[in-house]
PDB file of N, CA and C in Angstrom:
ATOM      1  N   UNK A   1      12.344   1.126  -4.763  1.00  0.00           N
ATOM      2  CA  UNK A   1      11.327   1.904  -5.456  1.00  0.00           C
ATOM      3  C   UNK A   1      10.101   1.999  -4.550  1.00  0.00           C
ATOM      4  N   UNK A   2       9.731   3.200  -4.179  1.00  0.00           N
ATOM      5  CA  UNK A   2       8.593   3.363  -3.281  1.00  0.00           C
ATOM      6  C   UNK A   2       7.251   3.247  -4.009  1.00  0.00           C
ATOM      7  N   UNK A   3       6.280   2.731  -3.286  1.00  0.00           N
ATOM      8  CA  UNK A   3       4.899   2.690  -3.756  1.00  0.00           C
ATOM      9  C   UNK A   3       4.108   3.617  -2.856  1.00  0.00           C
ATOM     10  N   UNK A   4       3.477   4.618  -3.438  1.00  0.00           N
ATOM     11  CA  UNK A   4       2.687   5.574  -2.684  1.00  0.00           C
ATOM     12  C   UNK A   4       1.206   5.335  -2.929  1.00  0.00           C
ATOM     13  N   UNK A   5       0.385   5.651  -1.949  1.00  0.00           N
ATOM     14  CA  UNK A   5      -1.068   5.579  -2.079  1.00  0.00           C
ATOM     15  C   UNK A   5      -1.599   6.988  -2.293  1.00  0.00           C
ATOM     16  N   UNK A   6      -2.586   7.097  -3.188  1.00  0.00           N
ATOM     17  CA  UNK A   6      -3.173   8.396  -3.511  1.00  0.00           C
ATOM     18  C   UNK A   6      -4.697   8.322  -3.444  1.00  0.00           C
ATOM     19  N   UNK A   7      -5.309   9.503  -3.326  1.00  0.00           N
ATOM     20  CA  UNK A   7      -6.761   9.649  -3.370  1.00  0.00           C
ATOM     21  C   UNK A   7      -7.073  10.717  -4.413  1.00  0.00           C
ATOM     22  N   UNK A   8      -7.971  10.397  -5.346  1.00  0.00           N
ATOM     23  CA  UNK A   8      -8.376  11.334  -6.387  1.00  0.00           C
ATOM     24  C   UNK A   8      -9.514  12.207  -5.859  1.00  0.00           C
ATOM     25  N   UNK A   9      -9.321  13.507  -5.926  1.00  0.00           N
ATOM     26  CA  UNK A   9     -10.353  14.432  -5.454  1.00  0.00           C
ATOM     27  C   UNK A   9     -11.511  14.556  -6.438  1.00  0.00           C
ATOM     28  N   UNK A  10     -11.289  14.187  -7.694  1.00  0.00           N
ATOM     29  CA  UNK A  10     -12.332  14.302  -8.718  1.00  0.00           C
ATOM     30  C   UNK A  10     -13.342  13.153  -8.649  1.00  0.00           C
ATOM     31  N   UNK A  11     -12.853  11.895  -8.581  1.00  0.00           N
ATOM     32  CA  UNK A  11     -13.768  10.745  -8.614  1.00  0.00           C
ATOM     33  C   UNK A  11     -13.740   9.918  -7.322  1.00  0.00           C
ATOM     34  N   UNK A  12     -12.959  10.344  -6.337  1.00  0.00           N
ATOM     35  CA  UNK A  12     -12.864   9.692  -5.018  1.00  0.00           C
ATOM     36  C   UNK A  12     -12.234   8.291  -5.062  1.00  0.00           C
ATOM     37  N   UNK A  13     -11.496   7.980  -6.116  1.00  0.00           N
ATOM     38  CA  UNK A  13     -10.822   6.684  -6.209  1.00  0.00           C
ATOM     39  C   UNK A  13      -9.548   6.693  -5.372  1.00  0.00           C
ATOM     40  N   UNK A  14      -9.233   5.558  -4.762  1.00  0.00           N
ATOM     41  CA  UNK A  14      -7.964   5.355  -4.079  1.00  0.00           C
ATOM     42  C   UNK A  14      -7.128   4.414  -4.941  1.00  0.00           C
ATOM     43  N   UNK A  15      -5.839   4.729  -5.112  1.00  0.00           N
ATOM     44  CA  UNK A  15      -4.983   3.899  -5.958  1.00  0.00           C
ATOM     45  C   UNK A  15      -3.536   3.980  -5.484  1.00  0.00           C
ATOM     46  N   UNK A  16      -2.729   3.016  -5.925  1.00  0.00           N
ATOM     47  CA  UNK A  16      -1.298   2.966  -5.627  1.00  0.00           C
ATOM     48  C   UNK A  16      -0.525   3.353  -6.870  1.00  0.00           C
ATOM     49  N   UNK A  17       0.641   3.960  -6.660  1.00  0.00           N
ATOM     50  CA  UNK A  17       1.494   4.345  -7.784  1.00  0.00           C
ATOM     51  C   UNK A  17       2.940   4.028  -7.426  1.00  0.00           C
ATOM     52  N   UNK A  18       3.638   3.314  -8.302  1.00  0.00           N
ATOM     53  CA  UNK A  18       5.045   2.987  -8.119  1.00  0.00           C
ATOM     54  C   UNK A  18       5.890   4.085  -8.756  1.00  0.00           C
ATOM     55  N   UNK A  19       6.897   4.560  -8.011  1.00  0.00           N
ATOM     56  CA  UNK A  19       7.810   5.574  -8.536  1.00  0.00           C
ATOM     57  C   UNK A  19       9.208   4.988  -8.594  1.00  0.00           C
ATOM     58  N   UNK A  20       9.952   5.308  -9.626  1.00  0.00           N
ATOM     59  CA  UNK A  20      11.297   4.774  -9.802  1.00  0.00           C
ATOM     60  C   UNK A  20      12.343   5.535  -8.986  1.00  0.00           C
ATOM     61  N   UNK A  21      11.997   6.693  -8.490  1.00  0.00           N
ATOM     62  CA  UNK A  21      12.917   7.480  -7.674  1.00  0.00           C
ATOM     63  C   UNK A  21      12.205   7.940  -6.412  1.00  0.00           C
ATOM     64  N   UNK A  22      12.985   8.307  -5.412  1.00  0.00           N
ATOM     65  CA  UNK A  22      12.432   8.850  -4.175  1.00  0.00           C
ATOM     66  C   UNK A  22      12.203  10.347  -4.405  1.00  0.00           C
ATOM     67  N   UNK A  23      10.961  10.743  -4.483  1.00  0.00           N
ATOM     68  CA  UNK A  23      10.636  12.146  -4.677  1.00  0.00           C
ATOM     69  C   UNK A  23      10.065  12.706  -3.382  1.00  0.00           C
ATOM     70  N   UNK A  24      10.374  13.950  -3.088  1.00  0.00           N
ATOM     71  CA  UNK A  24       9.863  14.577  -1.870  1.00  0.00           C
ATOM     72  C   UNK A  24       8.356  14.771  -1.945  1.00  0.00           C
ATOM     73  N   UNK A  25       7.837  15.097  -3.110  1.00  0.00           N
ATOM     74  CA  UNK A  25       6.413  15.358  -3.275  1.00  0.00           C
ATOM     75  C   UNK A  25       5.923  14.759  -4.593  1.00  0.00           C
ATOM     76  N   UNK A  26       5.747  13.431  -4.652  1.00  0.00           N
ATOM     77  CA  UNK A  26       5.354  12.795  -5.917  1.00  0.00           C
ATOM     78  C   UNK A  26       3.938  13.186  -6.342  1.00  0.00           C
ATOM     79  N   UNK A  27       3.739  13.337  -7.629  1.00  0.00           N
ATOM     80  CA  UNK A  27       2.424  13.651  -8.205  1.00  0.00           C
ATOM     81  C   UNK A  27       1.989  12.495  -9.086  1.00  0.00           C
ATOM     82  N   UNK A  28       0.698  12.189  -9.061  1.00  0.00           N
ATOM     83  CA  UNK A  28       0.188  11.074  -9.855  1.00  0.00           C
ATOM     84  C   UNK A  28      -1.153  11.453 -10.478  1.00  0.00           C
ATOM     85  N   UNK A  29      -1.435  10.867 -11.627  1.00  0.00           N
ATOM     86  CA  UNK A  29      -2.745  11.020 -12.274  1.00  0.00           C
ATOM     87  C   UNK A  29      -3.594   9.819 -11.914  1.00  0.00           C
ATOM     88  N   UNK A  30      -4.886  10.050 -11.738  1.00  0.00           N
ATOM     89  CA  UNK A  30      -5.819   8.991 -11.398  1.00  0.00           C
ATOM     90  C   UNK A  30      -5.978   8.036 -12.585  1.00  0.00           C
ATOM     91  N   UNK A  31      -5.808   6.722 -12.357  1.00  0.00           N
ATOM     92  CA  UNK A  31      -5.971   5.771 -13.455  1.00  0.00           C
ATOM     93  C   UNK A  31      -7.433   5.589 -13.863  1.00  0.00           C
ATOM     94  N   UNK A  32      -8.373   5.945 -13.002  1.00  0.00           N
ATOM     95  CA  UNK A  32      -9.797   5.791 -13.311  1.00  0.00           C
ATOM     96  C   UNK A  32     -10.313   6.928 -14.192  1.00  0.00           C
ATOM     97  N   UNK A  33     -10.081   8.190 -13.767  1.00  0.00           N
ATOM     98  CA  UNK A  33     -10.657   9.323 -14.500  1.00  0.00           C
ATOM     99  C   UNK A  33      -9.618  10.201 -15.180  1.00  0.00           C
ATOM    100  N   UNK A  34      -8.324   9.976 -14.889  1.00  0.00           N
ATOM    101  CA  UNK A  34      -7.266  10.784 -15.483  1.00  0.00           C
ATOM    102  C   UNK A  34      -7.032  12.105 -14.781  1.00  0.00           C
ATOM    103  N   UNK A  35      -7.727  12.325 -13.674  1.00  0.00           N
ATOM    104  CA  UNK A  35      -7.604  13.585 -12.942  1.00  0.00           C
ATOM    105  C   UNK A  35      -6.217  13.787 -12.364  1.00  0.00           C
ATOM    106  N   UNK A  36      -5.772  15.041 -12.368  1.00  0.00           N
ATOM    107  CA  UNK A  36      -4.448  15.372 -11.843  1.00  0.00           C
ATOM    108  C   UNK A  36      -4.513  15.877 -10.408  1.00  0.00           C
ATOM    109  N   UNK A  37      -5.707  16.108  -9.894  1.00  0.00           N
ATOM    110  CA  UNK A  37      -5.863  16.621  -8.540  1.00  0.00           C
ATOM    111  C   UNK A  37      -5.944  15.434  -7.577  1.00  0.00           C
ATOM    112  N   UNK A  38      -4.762  14.959  -7.165  1.00  0.00           N
ATOM    113  CA  UNK A  38      -4.673  13.804  -6.271  1.00  0.00           C
ATOM    114  C   UNK A  38      -3.916  14.199  -5.009  1.00  0.00           C
ATOM    115  N   UNK A  39      -4.232  13.534  -3.932  1.00  0.00           N
ATOM    116  CA  UNK A  39      -3.557  13.753  -2.655  1.00  0.00           C
ATOM    117  C   UNK A  39      -2.877  12.459  -2.231  1.00  0.00           C
ATOM    118  N   UNK A  40      -1.641  12.559  -1.790  1.00  0.00           N
ATOM    119  CA  UNK A  40      -0.946  11.380  -1.279  1.00  0.00           C
ATOM    120  C   UNK A  40      -1.492  11.059   0.103  1.00  0.00           C
ATOM    121  N   UNK A  41      -1.799   9.776   0.322  1.00  0.00           N
ATOM    122  CA  UNK A  41      -2.351   9.333   1.599  1.00  0.00           C
ATOM    123  C   UNK A  41      -1.227   8.882   2.524  1.00  0.00           C
ATOM    124  N   UNK A  42      -1.481   8.959   3.803  1.00  0.00           N
ATOM    125  CA  UNK A  42      -0.559   8.421   4.782  1.00  0.00           C
ATOM    126  C   UNK A  42      -0.690   6.907   4.740  1.00  0.00           C
ATOM    127  N   UNK A  43       0.407   6.209   4.548  1.00  0.00           N
ATOM    128  CA  UNK A  43       0.379   4.764   4.356  1.00  0.00           C
ATOM    129  C   UNK A  43       1.102   4.037   5.480  1.00  0.00           C
ATOM    130  N   UNK A  44       0.640   2.839   5.746  1.00  0.00           N
ATOM    131  CA  UNK A  44       1.339   1.942   6.655  1.00  0.00           C
ATOM    132  C   UNK A  44       2.246   1.056   5.830  1.00  0.00           C
ATOM    133  N   UNK A  45       3.238   0.502   6.437  1.00  0.00           N
ATOM    134  CA  UNK A  45       4.087  -0.445   5.727  1.00  0.00           C
ATOM    135  C   UNK A  45       4.299  -1.659   6.602  1.00  0.00           C
ATOM    136  N   UNK A  46       4.645  -2.750   5.987  1.00  0.00           N
ATOM    137  CA  UNK A  46       4.889  -3.986   6.718  1.00  0.00           C
ATOM    138  C   UNK A  46       6.262  -4.512   6.400  1.00  0.00           C
ATOM    139  N   UNK A  47       6.754  -5.330   7.300  1.00  0.00           N
ATOM    140  CA  UNK A  47       8.029  -5.988   7.062  1.00  0.00           C
ATOM    141  C   UNK A  47       7.999  -7.341   7.731  1.00  0.00           C
ATOM    142  N   UNK A  48       8.686  -8.280   7.147  1.00  0.00           N
ATOM    143  CA  UNK A  48       8.730  -9.596   7.773  1.00  0.00           C
ATOM    144  C   UNK A  48       9.959  -9.674   8.658  1.00  0.00           C
ATOM    145  N   UNK A  49       9.859 -10.465   9.710  1.00  0.00           N
ATOM    146  CA  UNK A  49      10.962 -10.605  10.658  1.00  0.00           C
ATOM    147  C   UNK A  49      11.478 -12.037  10.669  1.00  0.00           C
ATOM    148  N   UNK A  50      11.683 -12.554   9.495  1.00  0.00           N
ATOM    149  CA  UNK A  50      12.204 -13.911   9.371  1.00  0.00           C
ATOM    150  C   UNK A  50      11.144 -14.857   8.848  1.00  0.00           C
ATOM    151  N   UNK A  51      11.602 -15.826   8.106  1.00  0.00           N
ATOM    152  CA  UNK A  51      10.662 -16.768   7.501  1.00  0.00           C
ATOM    153  C   UNK A  51      11.348 -18.121   7.392  1.00  0.00           C
ATOM    154  N   UNK A  52      10.708 -19.118   7.929  1.00  0.00           N
ATOM    155  CA  UNK A  52      11.205 -20.480   7.793  1.00  0.00           C
ATOM    156  C   UNK A  52      10.525 -21.133   6.608  1.00  0.00           C
ATOM    157  N   UNK A  53      11.082 -22.184   6.103  1.00  0.00           N
ATOM    158  CA  UNK A  53      10.450 -22.905   4.991  1.00  0.00           C
ATOM    159  C   UNK A  53       9.083 -23.392   5.400  1.00  0.00           C
ATOM    160  N   UNK A  54       8.093 -23.123   4.558  1.00  0.00           N
ATOM    161  CA  UNK A  54       6.738 -23.596   4.802  1.00  0.00           C
ATOM    162  C   UNK A  54       5.975 -22.793   5.839  1.00  0.00           C
ATOM    163  N   UNK A  55       6.600 -21.802   6.418  1.00  0.00           N
ATOM    164  CA  UNK A  55       5.925 -20.977   7.420  1.00  0.00           C
ATOM    165  C   UNK A  55       5.703 -19.591   6.837  1.00  0.00           C
ATOM    166  N   UNK A  56       4.496 -19.036   6.981  1.00  0.00           N
ATOM    167  CA  UNK A  56       4.243 -17.710   6.422  1.00  0.00           C
ATOM    168  C   UNK A  56       5.062 -16.657   7.159  1.00  0.00           C
ATOM    169  N   UNK A  57       5.407 -15.583   6.436  1.00  0.00           N
ATOM    170  CA  UNK A  57       6.126 -14.476   7.072  1.00  0.00           C
ATOM    171  C   UNK A  57       5.239 -13.857   8.133  1.00  0.00           C
ATOM    172  N   UNK A  58       5.837 -13.398   9.176  1.00  0.00           N
ATOM    173  CA  UNK A  58       5.096 -12.776  10.263  1.00  0.00           C
ATOM    174  C   UNK A  58       5.428 -11.300  10.303  1.00  0.00           C
ATOM    175  N   UNK A  59       4.424 -10.504  10.557  1.00  0.00           N
ATOM    176  CA  UNK A  59       4.628  -9.068  10.709  1.00  0.00           C
ATOM    177  C   UNK A  59       5.337  -8.816  12.025  1.00  0.00           C
ATOM    178  N   UNK A  60       5.835  -7.612  12.211  1.00  0.00           N
ATOM    179  CA  UNK A  60       6.563  -7.275  13.426  1.00  0.00           C
ATOM    180  C   UNK A  60       5.705  -7.480  14.665  1.00  0.00           C
ATOM    181  N   UNK A  61       4.394  -7.440  14.537  1.00  0.00           N
ATOM    182  CA  UNK A  61       3.500  -7.634  15.671  1.00  0.00           C
ATOM    183  C   UNK A  61       3.400  -9.109  16.060  1.00  0.00           C
ATOM    184  N   UNK A  62       3.944 -10.020  15.236  1.00  0.00           N
ATOM    185  CA  UNK A  62       3.879 -11.443  15.532  1.00  0.00           C
ATOM    186  C   UNK A  62       2.733 -12.145  14.827  1.00  0.00           C
ATOM    187  N   UNK A  63       1.878 -11.413  14.129  1.00  0.00           N
ATOM    188  CA  UNK A  63       0.763 -11.999  13.389  1.00  0.00           C
ATOM    189  C   UNK A  63       1.170 -12.228  11.945  1.00  0.00           C
ATOM    190  N   UNK A  64       0.460 -13.131  11.269  1.00  0.00           N
ATOM    191  CA  UNK A  64       0.625 -13.256   9.827  1.00  0.00           C
ATOM    192  C   UNK A  64      -0.215 -12.166   9.187  1.00  0.00           C
ATOM    193  N   UNK A  65       0.068 -11.843   7.951  1.00  0.00           N
ATOM    194  CA  UNK A  65      -0.742 -10.880   7.230  1.00  0.00           C
ATOM    195  C   UNK A  65      -0.241  -9.457   7.411  1.00  0.00           C
ATOM    196  N   UNK A  66      -1.020  -8.524   6.920  1.00  0.00           N
ATOM    197  CA  UNK A  66      -0.607  -7.126   6.978  1.00  0.00           C
ATOM    198  C   UNK A  66      -1.039  -6.466   8.284  1.00  0.00           C
ATOM    199  N   UNK A  67      -0.472  -5.333   8.563  1.00  0.00           N
ATOM    200  CA  UNK A  67      -0.770  -4.650   9.824  1.00  0.00           C
ATOM    201  C   UNK A  67      -1.968  -3.722   9.716  1.00  0.00           C
ATOM    202  N   UNK A  68      -2.560  -3.594   8.526  1.00  0.00           N
ATOM    203  CA  UNK A  68      -3.651  -2.644   8.359  1.00  0.00           C
ATOM    204  C   UNK A  68      -5.034  -3.242   8.627  1.00  0.00           C
ATOM    205  N   UNK A  69      -5.104  -4.525   8.972  1.00  0.00           N
ATOM    206  CA  UNK A  69      -6.397  -5.111   9.284  1.00  0.00           C
ATOM    207  C   UNK A  69      -6.255  -6.138  10.406  1.00  0.00           C
ATOM    208  N   UNK A  70      -7.368  -6.633  10.881  1.00  0.00           N
ATOM    209  CA  UNK A  70      -7.368  -7.556  12.022  1.00  0.00           C
ATOM    210  C   UNK A  70      -7.287  -9.017  11.603  1.00  0.00           C
ATOM    211  N   UNK A  71      -7.268  -9.303  10.319  1.00  0.00           N
ATOM    212  CA  UNK A  71      -7.197 -10.691   9.863  1.00  0.00           C
ATOM    213  C   UNK A  71      -5.849 -11.318  10.171  1.00  0.00           C
ATOM    214  N   UNK A  72      -5.821 -12.617  10.235  1.00  0.00           N
ATOM    215  CA  UNK A  72      -4.554 -13.290  10.500  1.00  0.00           C
ATOM    216  C   UNK A  72      -3.797 -13.645   9.224  1.00  0.00           C
ATOM    217  N   UNK A  73      -4.424 -13.455   8.055  1.00  0.00           N
ATOM    218  CA  UNK A  73      -3.726 -13.656   6.789  1.00  0.00           C
ATOM    219  C   UNK A  73      -4.323 -12.736   5.743  1.00  0.00           C
ATOM    220  N   UNK A  74      -3.651 -12.615   4.609  1.00  0.00           N
ATOM    221  CA  UNK A  74      -4.111 -11.734   3.547  1.00  0.00           C
ATOM    222  C   UNK A  74      -5.067 -12.431   2.581  1.00  0.00           C
ATOM    223  N   UNK A  75      -5.394 -13.685   2.829  1.00  0.00           N
ATOM    224  CA  UNK A  75      -6.328 -14.408   1.977  1.00  0.00           C
ATOM    225  C   UNK A  75      -7.695 -13.717   2.028  1.00  0.00           C
ATOM    226  N   UNK A  76      -8.225 -13.383   0.909  1.00  0.00           N
ATOM    227  CA  UNK A  76      -9.522 -12.735   0.838  1.00  0.00           C
ATOM    228  C   UNK A  76      -9.460 -11.228   0.943  1.00  0.00           C
ATOM    229  N   UNK A  77      -8.257 -10.643   1.032  1.00  0.00           N
ATOM    230  CA  UNK A  77      -8.143  -9.184   1.073  1.00  0.00           C
ATOM    231  C   UNK A  77      -8.529  -8.609  -0.278  1.00  0.00           C
ATOM    232  N   UNK A  78      -9.030  -7.414  -0.269  1.00  0.00           N
ATOM    233  CA  UNK A  78      -9.405  -6.730  -1.506  1.00  0.00           C
ATOM    234  C   UNK A  78      -8.181  -6.250  -2.266  1.00  0.00           C
ATOM    235  N   UNK A  79      -7.048  -6.102  -1.613  1.00  0.00           N
ATOM    236  CA  UNK A  79      -5.865  -5.540  -2.255  1.00  0.00           C
ATOM    237  C   UNK A  79      -5.048  -6.570  -2.904  1.00  0.00           C
TER     238      UNK A  79
END
């Protein structure tokens, strides 16, 4: 099930939306204002390349955490 990121043109909110099917052009309503004029954002994705017990998953770059920021872990992320 894909999770897409959207931007609301009415209130400028950014939000994620989970879809149960793979759609070529998914449409979403803004959860903040209910606006239907939303644009799908280009999103990054992460994947782990193995995980040992007690060791955090590492991104493909070899760092812990997500690939969208310079932090070494997701602790304290806004998301």
